[in-house]
């Protein structure tokens, strides 16, 4: 993917490299299925953003926990869809083969 001028941070972000070092074998993001990228990136974003918002803004403003959870899930899902779309597009633009063929 370096030969295709793709940034390493796009196809192998730090968290994915940590998982590889721990022995968890996942393909680079452009080679994952659309739903896998959506769940992985959206889940991580929804949890981290939701926790940050909960402690920084939502608790002091008196937001109900259920509402915060729904907003975090929705935000994570939308973020995951955007990231999955980006990686799908990068795979098509760079004419990357299926992961099984690599």
Protein backbone atom coordinates (compact mmCIF):
# COMPACT_ATOMS: atom_id res chain seq x y z
CA UNK A 1 0.00 0.00 0.00
CA UNK A 2 3.03 2.25 0.35
CA UNK A 3 3.55 1.88 -3.40
CA UNK A 4 0.02 3.25 -3.91
CA UNK A 5 1.00 6.38 -1.92
CA UNK A 6 -1.43 5.53 0.89
CA UNK A 7 -0.60 6.99 4.28
CA UNK A 8 0.31 4.34 6.84
CA UNK A 9 -2.00 5.98 9.37
CA UNK A 10 -4.92 5.37 6.98
CA UNK A 11 -4.45 1.65 6.46
CA UNK A 12 -2.76 0.78 9.76
CA UNK A 13 -3.77 3.19 12.52
CA UNK A 14 -1.98 2.90 15.89
CA UNK A 15 -4.72 0.79 17.52
CA UNK A 16 -4.61 -1.75 14.70
CA UNK A 17 -0.81 -1.97 14.99
CA UNK A 18 -1.13 -2.58 18.73
CA UNK A 19 -3.62 -5.40 18.08
CA UNK A 20 -1.18 -6.92 15.56
CA UNK A 21 1.60 -6.84 18.16
CA UNK A 22 -0.71 -8.59 20.62
CA UNK A 23 -1.20 -11.38 18.10
CA UNK A 24 -4.69 -10.42 16.96
CA UNK A 25 -4.69 -10.83 13.20
CA UNK A 26 -6.98 -8.38 11.46
CA UNK A 27 -6.57 -7.22 7.87
CA UNK A 28 -5.71 -3.55 7.24
CA UNK A 29 -8.77 -1.31 7.19
CA UNK A 30 -9.09 -1.02 3.39
CA UNK A 31 -9.28 -4.82 3.17
CA UNK A 32 -11.94 -5.29 5.89
CA UNK A 33 -15.61 -5.73 5.05
CA UNK A 34 -17.68 -2.54 5.13
CA UNK A 35 -19.62 -3.66 8.20
CA UNK A 36 -16.41 -4.58 10.06
CA UNK A 37 -14.93 -1.13 9.56
CA UNK A 38 -18.25 0.42 10.60
CA UNK A 39 -18.40 -1.60 13.83
CA UNK A 40 -14.71 -1.26 14.71
CA UNK A 41 -14.27 2.45 14.09
CA UNK A 42 -17.81 3.46 15.05
CA UNK A 43 -17.75 1.43 18.24
CA UNK A 44 -14.45 2.91 19.36
CA UNK A 45 -15.51 6.43 18.46
CA UNK A 46 -18.96 6.12 20.08
CA UNK A 47 -17.52 4.81 23.36
CA UNK A 48 -14.64 7.28 23.63
CA UNK A 49 -16.63 10.31 22.48
CA UNK A 50 -19.63 9.33 24.62
CA UNK A 51 -17.51 8.94 27.76
CA UNK A 52 -15.75 12.24 27.16
CA UNK A 53 -19.02 14.06 26.57
CA UNK A 54 -20.62 12.41 29.60
CA UNK A 55 -18.00 13.59 32.04
CA UNK A 56 -17.21 16.96 30.47
CA UNK A 57 -20.59 18.22 29.35
CA UNK A 58 -23.60 15.99 29.80
CA UNK A 59 -23.42 15.29 33.57
CA UNK A 60 -22.97 18.97 34.48
CA UNK A 61 -25.89 19.88 32.23
CA UNK A 62 -28.14 17.23 33.81
CA UNK A 63 -28.61 14.93 30.83
CA UNK A 64 -30.28 11.57 31.45
CA UNK A 65 -28.00 8.53 30.95
CA UNK A 66 -30.36 6.85 28.48
CA UNK A 67 -30.37 9.88 26.23
CA UNK A 68 -26.57 10.07 26.36
CA UNK A 69 -26.27 6.40 25.40
CA UNK A 70 -28.61 6.82 22.42
CA UNK A 71 -26.69 9.89 21.23
CA UNK A 72 -23.36 8.06 21.63
CA UNK A 73 -24.59 5.01 19.69
CA UNK A 74 -25.98 7.22 16.92
CA UNK A 75 -22.80 9.28 16.73
CA UNK A 76 -20.64 6.15 16.70
CA UNK A 77 -22.72 4.56 13.96
CA UNK A 78 -22.59 7.66 11.75
CA UNK A 79 -18.85 8.02 12.33
CA UNK A 80 -18.35 4.33 11.52
CA UNK A 81 -20.32 4.71 8.28
CA UNK A 82 -18.13 7.64 7.25
CA UNK A 83 -14.91 5.73 7.99
CA UNK A 84 -16.14 2.59 6.24
CA UNK A 85 -17.11 4.65 3.19
CA UNK A 86 -13.69 6.29 3.16
CA UNK A 87 -11.83 2.95 3.30
CA UNK A 88 -14.12 1.40 0.68
CA UNK A 89 -13.37 4.35 -1.60
CA UNK A 90 -9.61 4.06 -0.95
CA UNK A 91 -9.75 0.38 -1.86
CA UNK A 92 -11.54 1.13 -5.16
CA UNK A 93 -9.36 4.12 -6.12
CA UNK A 94 -6.13 2.21 -5.48
CA UNK A 95 -7.40 -0.97 -7.20
CA UNK A 96 -6.51 -3.11 -4.19
CA UNK A 97 -7.16 -6.85 -4.59
CA UNK A 98 -9.31 -8.84 -2.15
CA UNK A 99 -7.52 -9.70 1.11
CA UNK A 100 -7.60 -13.42 0.30
CA UNK A 101 -5.54 -12.75 -2.85
CA UNK A 102 -2.80 -10.84 -1.04
